[in-house]
């Protein structure tokens, strides 16, 4: 019985990796499309030195979420 199970799992492995590769290809293609219906949450961190009269260090974190939505029907 376990031999049959292992053969079944071994037969399905190439299918799952092919589906995973197809999913990655679709995701990469959608990431290149600026109007794709994808949620993104980019972070940008900037460290500034020599700020102010005391030459302090400033850290600025920009979070720019993009959430697509449709207007109307």
N, C-alpha and C. Protein backbone atom coordinates (compact mmCIF):
# COMPACT_ATOMS: atom_id res chain seq x y z
N UNK A 1 0.82 -1.19 0.00
CA UNK A 1 0.00 0.00 0.00
C UNK A 1 0.86 1.26 0.00
N UNK A 2 1.92 1.30 0.82
CA UNK A 2 2.77 2.48 0.85
C UNK A 2 3.53 2.66 -0.46
N UNK A 3 3.83 1.56 -1.14
CA UNK A 3 4.52 1.67 -2.42
C UNK A 3 3.62 2.37 -3.44
N UNK A 4 2.34 2.06 -3.42
CA UNK A 4 1.39 2.72 -4.33
C UNK A 4 1.28 4.21 -4.00
N UNK A 5 1.26 4.51 -2.72
CA UNK A 5 1.16 5.90 -2.31
C UNK A 5 2.38 6.69 -2.78
N UNK A 6 3.58 6.12 -2.61
CA UNK A 6 4.79 6.80 -3.06
C UNK A 6 4.81 6.97 -4.57
N UNK A 7 4.34 5.99 -5.29
CA UNK A 7 4.28 6.12 -6.75
C UNK A 7 3.30 7.22 -7.16
N UNK A 8 2.18 7.31 -6.45
CA UNK A 8 1.20 8.35 -6.74
C UNK A 8 1.78 9.74 -6.47
N UNK A 9 2.45 9.88 -5.33
CA UNK A 9 3.07 11.16 -4.98
C UNK A 9 4.17 11.50 -5.99
N UNK A 10 4.97 10.53 -6.36
CA UNK A 10 6.04 10.77 -7.34
C UNK A 10 5.47 11.17 -8.70
N UNK A 11 4.31 10.63 -9.05
CA UNK A 11 3.68 10.99 -10.32
C UNK A 11 3.11 12.40 -10.28
N UNK A 12 2.69 12.89 -9.12
CA UNK A 12 2.10 14.22 -9.01
C UNK A 12 3.13 15.34 -8.87
N UNK A 13 4.33 15.04 -8.45
CA UNK A 13 5.33 16.08 -8.23
C UNK A 13 5.62 16.92 -9.46
N UNK A 14 5.82 16.34 -10.64
CA UNK A 14 6.06 17.19 -11.80
C UNK A 14 4.87 18.09 -12.12
N UNK A 15 3.67 17.65 -11.83
CA UNK A 15 2.49 18.47 -12.11
C UNK A 15 2.43 19.68 -11.19
N UNK A 16 2.78 19.49 -9.92
CA UNK A 16 2.74 20.60 -8.99
C UNK A 16 3.83 21.62 -9.30
N UNK A 17 5.01 21.16 -9.70
CA UNK A 17 6.07 22.11 -10.03
C UNK A 17 5.74 22.86 -11.31
N UNK A 18 5.07 22.21 -12.27
CA UNK A 18 4.66 22.89 -13.49
C UNK A 18 3.60 23.94 -13.19
N UNK A 19 2.66 23.61 -12.31
CA UNK A 19 1.62 24.57 -11.93
C UNK A 19 2.24 25.73 -11.16
N UNK A 20 3.22 25.43 -10.32
CA UNK A 20 3.90 26.48 -9.56
C UNK A 20 4.67 27.41 -10.51
N UNK A 21 5.34 26.84 -11.50
CA UNK A 21 6.07 27.65 -12.47
C UNK A 21 5.12 28.51 -13.28
N UNK A 22 3.96 27.95 -13.64
CA UNK A 22 2.97 28.73 -14.38
C UNK A 22 2.44 29.87 -13.52
N UNK A 23 2.21 29.61 -12.24
CA UNK A 23 1.76 30.65 -11.33
C UNK A 23 2.79 31.75 -11.18
N UNK A 24 4.06 31.38 -11.12
CA UNK A 24 5.12 32.38 -11.02
C UNK A 24 5.21 33.21 -12.29
N UNK A 25 5.03 32.56 -13.44
CA UNK A 25 5.07 33.28 -14.71
C UNK A 25 3.90 34.27 -14.80
N UNK A 26 2.72 33.85 -14.35
CA UNK A 26 1.56 34.75 -14.36
C UNK A 26 1.77 35.93 -13.41
N UNK A 27 2.35 35.66 -12.26
CA UNK A 27 2.62 36.72 -11.29
C UNK A 27 3.65 37.70 -11.83
N UNK A 28 4.69 37.20 -12.47
CA UNK A 28 5.71 38.07 -13.05
C UNK A 28 5.11 38.93 -14.16
N UNK A 29 4.24 38.34 -14.97
CA UNK A 29 3.61 39.10 -16.05
C UNK A 29 2.68 40.17 -15.48
N UNK A 30 1.93 39.85 -14.44
CA UNK A 30 1.02 40.83 -13.83
C UNK A 30 1.81 41.94 -13.13
N UNK A 31 2.97 41.62 -12.59
CA UNK A 31 3.77 42.63 -11.91
C UNK A 31 4.30 43.68 -12.90
N UNK A 32 4.47 43.30 -14.15
CA UNK A 32 4.95 44.23 -15.16
C UNK A 32 3.84 45.12 -15.71
N UNK A 33 2.58 44.75 -15.44
CA UNK A 33 1.44 45.51 -15.94
C UNK A 33 1.04 46.56 -14.89
N UNK A 34 1.14 47.85 -15.22
CA UNK A 34 0.84 48.87 -14.21
C UNK A 34 -0.64 48.95 -13.83
N UNK A 35 -1.53 48.39 -14.62
CA UNK A 35 -2.95 48.43 -14.29
C UNK A 35 -3.48 47.06 -13.89
N UNK A 36 -2.61 46.15 -13.51
CA UNK A 36 -3.03 44.83 -13.08
C UNK A 36 -3.75 44.93 -11.73
N UNK A 37 -4.66 44.02 -11.49
CA UNK A 37 -5.42 44.00 -10.24
C UNK A 37 -4.60 43.28 -9.17
N UNK A 38 -3.52 43.94 -8.73
CA UNK A 38 -2.64 43.37 -7.71
C UNK A 38 -2.50 44.35 -6.57
N UNK A 39 -2.48 43.82 -5.36
CA UNK A 39 -2.20 44.64 -4.18
C UNK A 39 -0.69 44.63 -3.97
N UNK A 40 -0.11 45.80 -3.82
CA UNK A 40 1.32 45.88 -3.52
C UNK A 40 1.53 46.80 -2.33
N UNK A 41 2.58 46.54 -1.60
CA UNK A 41 2.88 47.32 -0.40
C UNK A 41 4.38 47.63 -0.39
N UNK A 42 4.81 48.59 -1.22
CA UNK A 42 6.24 48.89 -1.27
C UNK A 42 6.69 49.75 -0.09
N UNK A 43 7.90 49.48 0.38
CA UNK A 43 8.53 50.25 1.44
C UNK A 43 9.76 50.94 0.88
N UNK A 44 10.00 52.17 1.30
CA UNK A 44 11.22 52.89 0.95
C UNK A 44 11.76 53.50 2.23
N UNK A 45 12.99 53.16 2.58
CA UNK A 45 13.61 53.66 3.80
C UNK A 45 14.81 54.52 3.43
N UNK A 46 14.81 55.76 3.90
CA UNK A 46 15.90 56.69 3.63
C UNK A 46 16.51 57.14 4.94
N UNK A 47 17.83 57.08 5.03
CA UNK A 47 18.55 57.57 6.19
C UNK A 47 19.33 58.81 5.75
N UNK A 48 19.11 59.90 6.46
CA UNK A 48 19.74 61.18 6.15
C UNK A 48 20.69 61.55 7.27
N UNK A 49 21.92 61.90 6.93
CA UNK A 49 22.94 62.26 7.92
C UNK A 49 23.18 63.76 7.88
N UNK A 50 23.56 64.32 8.99
CA UNK A 50 23.89 65.74 9.06
C UNK A 50 22.67 66.63 8.99
N UNK A 51 21.57 66.22 9.63
CA UNK A 51 20.33 66.97 9.58
C UNK A 51 20.27 67.93 10.76
N UNK A 52 19.91 69.16 10.49
CA UNK A 52 19.71 70.12 11.56
C UNK A 52 21.00 70.73 12.07
N UNK A 53 20.87 71.60 13.06
CA UNK A 53 22.05 72.30 13.58
C UNK A 53 22.99 71.40 14.37
N UNK A 54 22.50 70.25 14.85
CA UNK A 54 23.34 69.35 15.65
C UNK A 54 23.87 68.18 14.84
N UNK A 55 23.75 68.23 13.52
CA UNK A 55 24.18 67.13 12.63
C UNK A 55 23.59 65.80 13.06
N UNK A 56 22.28 65.79 13.29
CA UNK A 56 21.58 64.57 13.68
C UNK A 56 21.38 63.64 12.48
N UNK A 57 20.87 62.46 12.78
CA UNK A 57 20.52 61.48 11.75
C UNK A 57 19.01 61.36 11.70
N UNK A 58 18.44 61.44 10.50
CA UNK A 58 17.00 61.30 10.32
C UNK A 58 16.71 60.03 9.52
N UNK A 59 15.68 59.34 9.91
CA UNK A 59 15.26 58.14 9.21
C UNK A 59 13.82 58.35 8.73
N UNK A 60 13.59 58.20 7.42
CA UNK A 60 12.27 58.42 6.83
C UNK A 60 11.83 57.11 6.18
N UNK A 61 10.68 56.61 6.62
CA UNK A 61 10.12 55.38 6.06
C UNK A 61 8.85 55.74 5.30
N UNK A 62 8.84 55.49 4.00
CA UNK A 62 7.67 55.73 3.17
C UNK A 62 6.99 54.40 2.89
N UNK A 63 5.70 54.32 3.19
CA UNK A 63 4.89 53.15 2.89
C UNK A 63 3.81 53.61 1.92
N UNK A 64 3.78 53.02 0.73
CA UNK A 64 2.86 53.47 -0.31
C UNK A 64 2.00 52.29 -0.78
N UNK A 65 0.93 51.96 -0.04
CA UNK A 65 0.10 50.83 -0.45
C UNK A 65 -0.68 51.13 -1.72
N UNK A 66 -0.81 50.11 -2.56
CA UNK A 66 -1.60 50.21 -3.78
C UNK A 66 -2.67 49.12 -3.71
N UNK A 67 -3.93 49.55 -3.63
CA UNK A 67 -5.06 48.62 -3.54
C UNK A 67 -6.00 48.91 -4.70
N UNK A 68 -6.08 48.02 -5.67
CA UNK A 68 -6.94 48.28 -6.83
C UNK A 68 -8.41 48.14 -6.46
N UNK A 69 -9.25 48.97 -7.10
CA UNK A 69 -10.69 48.85 -6.93
C UNK A 69 -11.34 49.32 -8.22
N UNK A 70 -12.60 48.95 -8.40
CA UNK A 70 -13.31 49.34 -9.61
C UNK A 70 -14.35 50.39 -9.26
N UNK A 71 -14.56 51.28 -10.19
CA UNK A 71 -15.58 52.30 -10.05
C UNK A 71 -16.78 51.89 -10.91
N UNK A 72 -17.94 51.86 -10.33
CA UNK A 72 -19.13 51.48 -11.08
C UNK A 72 -19.19 49.97 -11.28
N UNK A 73 -19.90 49.58 -12.34
CA UNK A 73 -20.04 48.14 -12.62
C UNK A 73 -19.24 47.74 -13.76
